[in-house]
Amino acid sequence: MEAPGQWLQAATPEPASAFAAHYRLTAIHPFSDGNGRTARRLMNLLLIRGGYPPVAVRPEDRKAYLDSLERASLAGDLVPYQTLMPSVSTRP
């Protein structure tokens, strides 16, 4: 796997890269607490740098968000996560 810092430097400034960075950080789980908050901040930093609005995972989306991350981590299936994040980001 490519080093996270190298991958971030090469990432294009678009939502798909921001969502991928979020997933990659949660997958390696580097901290004992705050991994999700840190990953969402990284995602939003990348979105803002690319000229996109930040994303807030609303309480009504929280279960689907956590379930999609768990499925990606345990089963290697990123499709639910990759489907959910763009829909969450386009909500008014």
N, C-alpha and C. Protein backbone atom coordinates (compact mmCIF):
# COMPACT_ATOMS: atom_id res chain seq x y z
N MET A 1 0.85 -1.18 0.00
CA MET A 1 0.00 0.00 0.00
C MET A 1 0.89 1.24 0.00
N GLU A 2 0.50 2.19 -0.80
CA GLU A 2 1.24 3.44 -0.90
C GLU A 2 1.16 4.20 0.42
N ALA A 3 2.24 4.87 0.78
CA ALA A 3 2.27 5.64 2.03
C ALA A 3 1.19 6.72 1.98
N PRO A 4 0.47 6.92 3.10
CA PRO A 4 -0.62 7.90 3.11
C PRO A 4 -0.20 9.31 2.69
N GLY A 5 0.95 9.76 3.13
CA GLY A 5 1.40 11.10 2.77
C GLY A 5 1.63 11.25 1.28
N GLN A 6 2.24 10.24 0.67
CA GLN A 6 2.48 10.26 -0.77
C GLN A 6 1.17 10.22 -1.54
N TRP A 7 0.24 9.40 -1.07
CA TRP A 7 -1.05 9.30 -1.73
C TRP A 7 -1.78 10.64 -1.66
N LEU A 8 -1.77 11.29 -0.49
CA LEU A 8 -2.45 12.58 -0.34
C LEU A 8 -1.86 13.64 -1.26
N GLN A 9 -0.55 13.67 -1.38
CA GLN A 9 0.09 14.65 -2.25
C GLN A 9 -0.31 14.46 -3.71
N ALA A 10 -0.51 13.23 -4.11
CA ALA A 10 -0.85 12.93 -5.50
C ALA A 10 -2.36 12.97 -5.78
N ALA A 11 -3.17 13.05 -4.74
CA ALA A 11 -4.63 13.02 -4.90
C ALA A 11 -5.13 14.26 -5.65
N THR A 12 -6.08 14.04 -6.53
CA THR A 12 -6.68 15.16 -7.26
C THR A 12 -7.68 15.88 -6.36
N PRO A 13 -7.86 17.19 -6.53
CA PRO A 13 -8.76 17.96 -5.67
C PRO A 13 -10.23 17.80 -6.08
N GLU A 14 -10.79 16.64 -5.80
CA GLU A 14 -12.18 16.36 -6.14
C GLU A 14 -12.82 15.52 -5.04
N PRO A 15 -14.14 15.49 -4.99
CA PRO A 15 -14.81 14.75 -3.91
C PRO A 15 -14.40 13.29 -3.79
N ALA A 16 -14.24 12.59 -4.89
CA ALA A 16 -13.88 11.16 -4.80
C ALA A 16 -12.57 10.97 -4.04
N SER A 17 -11.61 11.85 -4.25
CA SER A 17 -10.33 11.76 -3.53
C SER A 17 -10.52 12.09 -2.06
N ALA A 18 -11.34 13.07 -1.77
CA ALA A 18 -11.61 13.43 -0.37
C ALA A 18 -12.28 12.27 0.36
N PHE A 19 -13.25 11.62 -0.30
CA PHE A 19 -13.94 10.48 0.32
C PHE A 19 -12.97 9.31 0.49
N ALA A 20 -12.09 9.11 -0.47
CA ALA A 20 -11.09 8.04 -0.38
C ALA A 20 -10.12 8.30 0.77
N ALA A 21 -9.70 9.55 0.93
CA ALA A 21 -8.79 9.90 2.04
C ALA A 21 -9.47 9.63 3.38
N HIS A 22 -10.75 9.97 3.47
CA HIS A 22 -11.53 9.71 4.69
C HIS A 22 -11.52 8.21 4.99
N TYR A 23 -11.85 7.39 3.99
CA TYR A 23 -11.88 5.94 4.21
C TYR A 23 -10.50 5.41 4.58
N ARG A 24 -9.47 5.84 3.88
CA ARG A 24 -8.12 5.34 4.15
C ARG A 24 -7.69 5.63 5.58
N LEU A 25 -8.03 6.82 6.08
CA LEU A 25 -7.65 7.15 7.45
C LEU A 25 -8.43 6.31 8.45
N THR A 26 -9.72 6.10 8.21
CA THR A 26 -10.48 5.25 9.15
C THR A 26 -10.01 3.80 9.07
N ALA A 27 -9.56 3.36 7.91
CA ALA A 27 -9.13 1.97 7.75
C ALA A 27 -7.85 1.66 8.53
N ILE A 28 -6.93 2.62 8.62
CA ILE A 28 -5.70 2.35 9.36
C ILE A 28 -5.86 2.62 10.85
N HIS A 29 -6.90 3.36 11.22
CA HIS A 29 -7.26 3.59 12.63
C HIS A 29 -6.03 3.97 13.49
N PRO A 30 -5.39 5.11 13.17
CA PRO A 30 -4.12 5.44 13.83
C PRO A 30 -4.22 5.92 15.28
N PHE A 31 -5.40 6.33 15.72
CA PHE A 31 -5.54 6.90 17.05
C PHE A 31 -6.42 6.02 17.93
N SER A 32 -6.27 6.13 19.23
CA SER A 32 -7.12 5.35 20.13
C SER A 32 -8.53 5.94 20.19
N ASP A 33 -8.67 7.22 19.86
CA ASP A 33 -9.97 7.88 19.87
C ASP A 33 -9.94 9.00 18.83
N GLY A 34 -11.08 9.30 18.25
CA GLY A 34 -11.18 10.42 17.35
C GLY A 34 -10.85 10.14 15.89
N ASN A 35 -10.76 8.88 15.51
CA ASN A 35 -10.43 8.56 14.12
C ASN A 35 -11.48 9.06 13.13
N GLY A 36 -12.74 8.88 13.46
CA GLY A 36 -13.81 9.34 12.57
C GLY A 36 -13.83 10.85 12.44
N ARG A 37 -13.71 11.55 13.56
CA ARG A 37 -13.69 13.02 13.53
C ARG A 37 -12.51 13.53 12.72
N THR A 38 -11.34 12.92 12.93
CA THR A 38 -10.15 13.33 12.19
C THR A 38 -10.31 13.05 10.71
N ALA A 39 -10.87 11.89 10.36
CA ALA A 39 -11.08 11.54 8.96
C ALA A 39 -12.06 12.50 8.29
N ARG A 40 -13.12 12.87 9.00
CA ARG A 40 -14.09 13.82 8.43
C ARG A 40 -13.46 15.20 8.26
N ARG A 41 -12.61 15.60 9.17
CA ARG A 41 -11.92 16.88 9.02
C ARG A 41 -10.97 16.86 7.83
N LEU A 42 -10.24 15.78 7.66
CA LEU A 42 -9.35 15.64 6.51
C LEU A 42 -10.17 15.69 5.22
N MET A 43 -11.26 14.96 5.18
CA MET A 43 -12.13 14.95 4.00
C MET A 43 -12.60 16.36 3.68
N ASN A 44 -13.07 17.08 4.70
CA ASN A 44 -13.58 18.43 4.47
C ASN A 44 -12.47 19.40 4.09
N LEU A 45 -11.29 19.24 4.63
CA LEU A 45 -10.16 20.08 4.23
C LEU A 45 -9.88 19.89 2.74
N LEU A 46 -9.86 18.65 2.29
CA LEU A 46 -9.61 18.37 0.88
C LEU A 46 -10.73 18.90 0.00
N LEU A 47 -11.97 18.77 0.46
CA LEU A 47 -13.10 19.31 -0.31
C LEU A 47 -12.99 20.82 -0.45
N ILE A 48 -12.73 21.50 0.66
CA ILE A 48 -12.62 22.96 0.63
C ILE A 48 -11.46 23.41 -0.26
N ARG A 49 -10.33 22.74 -0.15
CA ARG A 49 -9.19 23.07 -1.01
C ARG A 49 -9.52 22.91 -2.49
N GLY A 50 -10.40 21.98 -2.80
CA GLY A 50 -10.81 21.76 -4.19
C GLY A 50 -11.95 22.66 -4.63
N GLY A 51 -12.44 23.53 -3.72
CA GLY A 51 -13.52 24.44 -4.06
C GLY A 51 -14.91 23.86 -3.85
N TYR A 52 -15.00 22.76 -3.11
CA TYR A 52 -16.29 22.11 -2.84
C TYR A 52 -16.73 22.43 -1.42
N PRO A 53 -18.03 22.38 -1.16
CA PRO A 53 -18.50 22.63 0.22
C PRO A 53 -18.16 21.45 1.13
N PRO A 54 -18.00 21.72 2.42
CA PRO A 54 -17.75 20.62 3.37
C PRO A 54 -18.99 19.74 3.51
N VAL A 55 -18.76 18.53 4.00
CA VAL A 55 -19.83 17.56 4.19
C VAL A 55 -20.03 17.32 5.68
N ALA A 56 -21.28 17.31 6.10
CA ALA A 56 -21.62 16.95 7.48
C ALA A 56 -22.47 15.68 7.41
N VAL A 57 -22.05 14.65 8.12
CA VAL A 57 -22.86 13.43 8.20
C VAL A 57 -23.93 13.69 9.24
N ARG A 58 -25.15 13.79 8.78
CA ARG A 58 -26.27 14.12 9.66
C ARG A 58 -26.66 12.92 10.52
N PRO A 59 -27.30 13.20 11.65
CA PRO A 59 -27.71 12.10 12.54
C PRO A 59 -28.54 11.03 11.82
N GLU A 60 -29.40 11.44 10.90
CA GLU A 60 -30.23 10.46 10.19
C GLU A 60 -29.42 9.60 9.21
N ASP A 61 -28.21 10.04 8.87
CA ASP A 61 -27.34 9.27 7.98
C ASP A 61 -26.27 8.49 8.73
N ARG A 62 -26.18 8.68 10.03
CA ARG A 62 -25.09 8.12 10.81
C ARG A 62 -25.02 6.59 10.74
N LYS A 63 -26.16 5.91 10.87
CA LYS A 63 -26.16 4.45 10.83
C LYS A 63 -25.67 3.94 9.47
N ALA A 64 -26.20 4.50 8.40
CA ALA A 64 -25.77 4.08 7.06
C ALA A 64 -24.29 4.38 6.85
N TYR A 65 -23.83 5.51 7.36
CA TYR A 65 -22.42 5.91 7.26
C TYR A 65 -21.53 4.90 7.98
N LEU A 66 -21.86 4.59 9.23
CA LEU A 66 -21.06 3.64 10.01
C LEU A 66 -21.13 2.24 9.42
N ASP A 67 -22.32 1.83 8.98
CA ASP A 67 -22.47 0.51 8.36
C ASP A 67 -21.63 0.40 7.08
N SER A 68 -21.61 1.47 6.29
CA SER A 68 -20.85 1.42 5.04
C SER A 68 -19.34 1.35 5.32
N LEU A 69 -18.88 2.07 6.34
CA LEU A 69 -17.46 2.00 6.71
C LEU A 69 -17.11 0.61 7.24
N GLU A 70 -18.00 0.04 8.05
CA GLU A 70 -17.75 -1.30 8.59
C GLU A 70 -17.70 -2.34 7.48
N ARG A 71 -18.63 -2.25 6.54
CA ARG A 71 -18.65 -3.21 5.43
C ARG A 71 -17.38 -3.09 4.58
N ALA A 72 -16.94 -1.85 4.37
CA ALA A 72 -15.71 -1.64 3.60
C ALA A 72 -14.51 -2.23 4.33
N SER A 73 -14.47 -2.04 5.64
CA SER A 73 -13.34 -2.53 6.42
C SER A 73 -13.33 -4.04 6.57
N LEU A 74 -14.48 -4.62 6.82
CA LEU A 74 -14.55 -6.06 7.10
C LEU A 74 -14.66 -6.93 5.85
N ALA A 75 -15.42 -6.44 4.87
CA ALA A 75 -15.65 -7.26 3.68
C ALA A 75 -14.91 -6.75 2.45
N GLY A 76 -14.27 -5.60 2.58
CA GLY A 76 -13.57 -5.03 1.43
C GLY A 76 -14.50 -4.48 0.36
N ASP A 77 -15.76 -4.28 0.73
CA ASP A 77 -16.77 -3.80 -0.21
C ASP A 77 -16.95 -2.30 -0.02
N LEU A 78 -16.37 -1.51 -0.90
CA LEU A 78 -16.45 -0.05 -0.81
C LEU A 78 -17.68 0.54 -1.49
N VAL A 79 -18.44 -0.26 -2.21
CA VAL A 79 -19.57 0.26 -2.98
C VAL A 79 -20.58 1.01 -2.11
N PRO A 80 -21.04 0.45 -0.97
CA PRO A 80 -22.00 1.21 -0.16
C PRO A 80 -21.44 2.57 0.30
N TYR A 81 -20.18 2.60 0.70
CA TYR A 81 -19.54 3.85 1.13
C TYR A 81 -19.43 4.83 -0.04
N GLN A 82 -18.98 4.33 -1.19
CA GLN A 82 -18.81 5.18 -2.36
C GLN A 82 -20.14 5.69 -2.90
N THR A 83 -21.21 4.98 -2.62
CA THR A 83 -22.55 5.41 -3.03
C THR A 83 -23.11 6.41 -2.03
N LEU A 84 -22.90 6.16 -0.75
CA LEU A 84 -23.47 7.01 0.30
C LEU A 84 -22.84 8.40 0.33
N MET A 85 -21.53 8.49 0.30
CA MET A 85 -20.87 9.78 0.53
C MET A 85 -21.27 10.86 -0.49
N PRO A 86 -21.32 10.57 -1.78
CA PRO A 86 -21.78 11.63 -2.68
C PRO A 86 -23.23 12.05 -2.42
N SER A 87 -24.08 11.11 -2.02
CA SER A 87 -25.48 11.48 -1.75
C SER A 87 -25.57 12.33 -0.49
N VAL A 88 -24.75 12.05 0.50
CA VAL A 88 -24.73 12.86 1.74
C VAL A 88 -24.20 14.26 1.43
N SER A 89 -23.23 14.35 0.53
CA SER A 89 -22.59 15.63 0.25
C SER A 89 -23.45 16.57 -0.58
N THR A 90 -24.47 16.05 -1.26
CA THR A 90 -25.29 16.91 -2.11
C THR A 90 -26.59 17.35 -1.44
N ARG A 91 -26.77 16.98 -0.20
CA ARG A 91 -27.99 17.39 0.50
C ARG A 91 -27.93 18.86 0.85
N PRO A 92 -29.08 19.54 0.76
CA PRO A 92 -29.10 20.98 1.13
C PRO A 92 -28.99 21.18 2.63
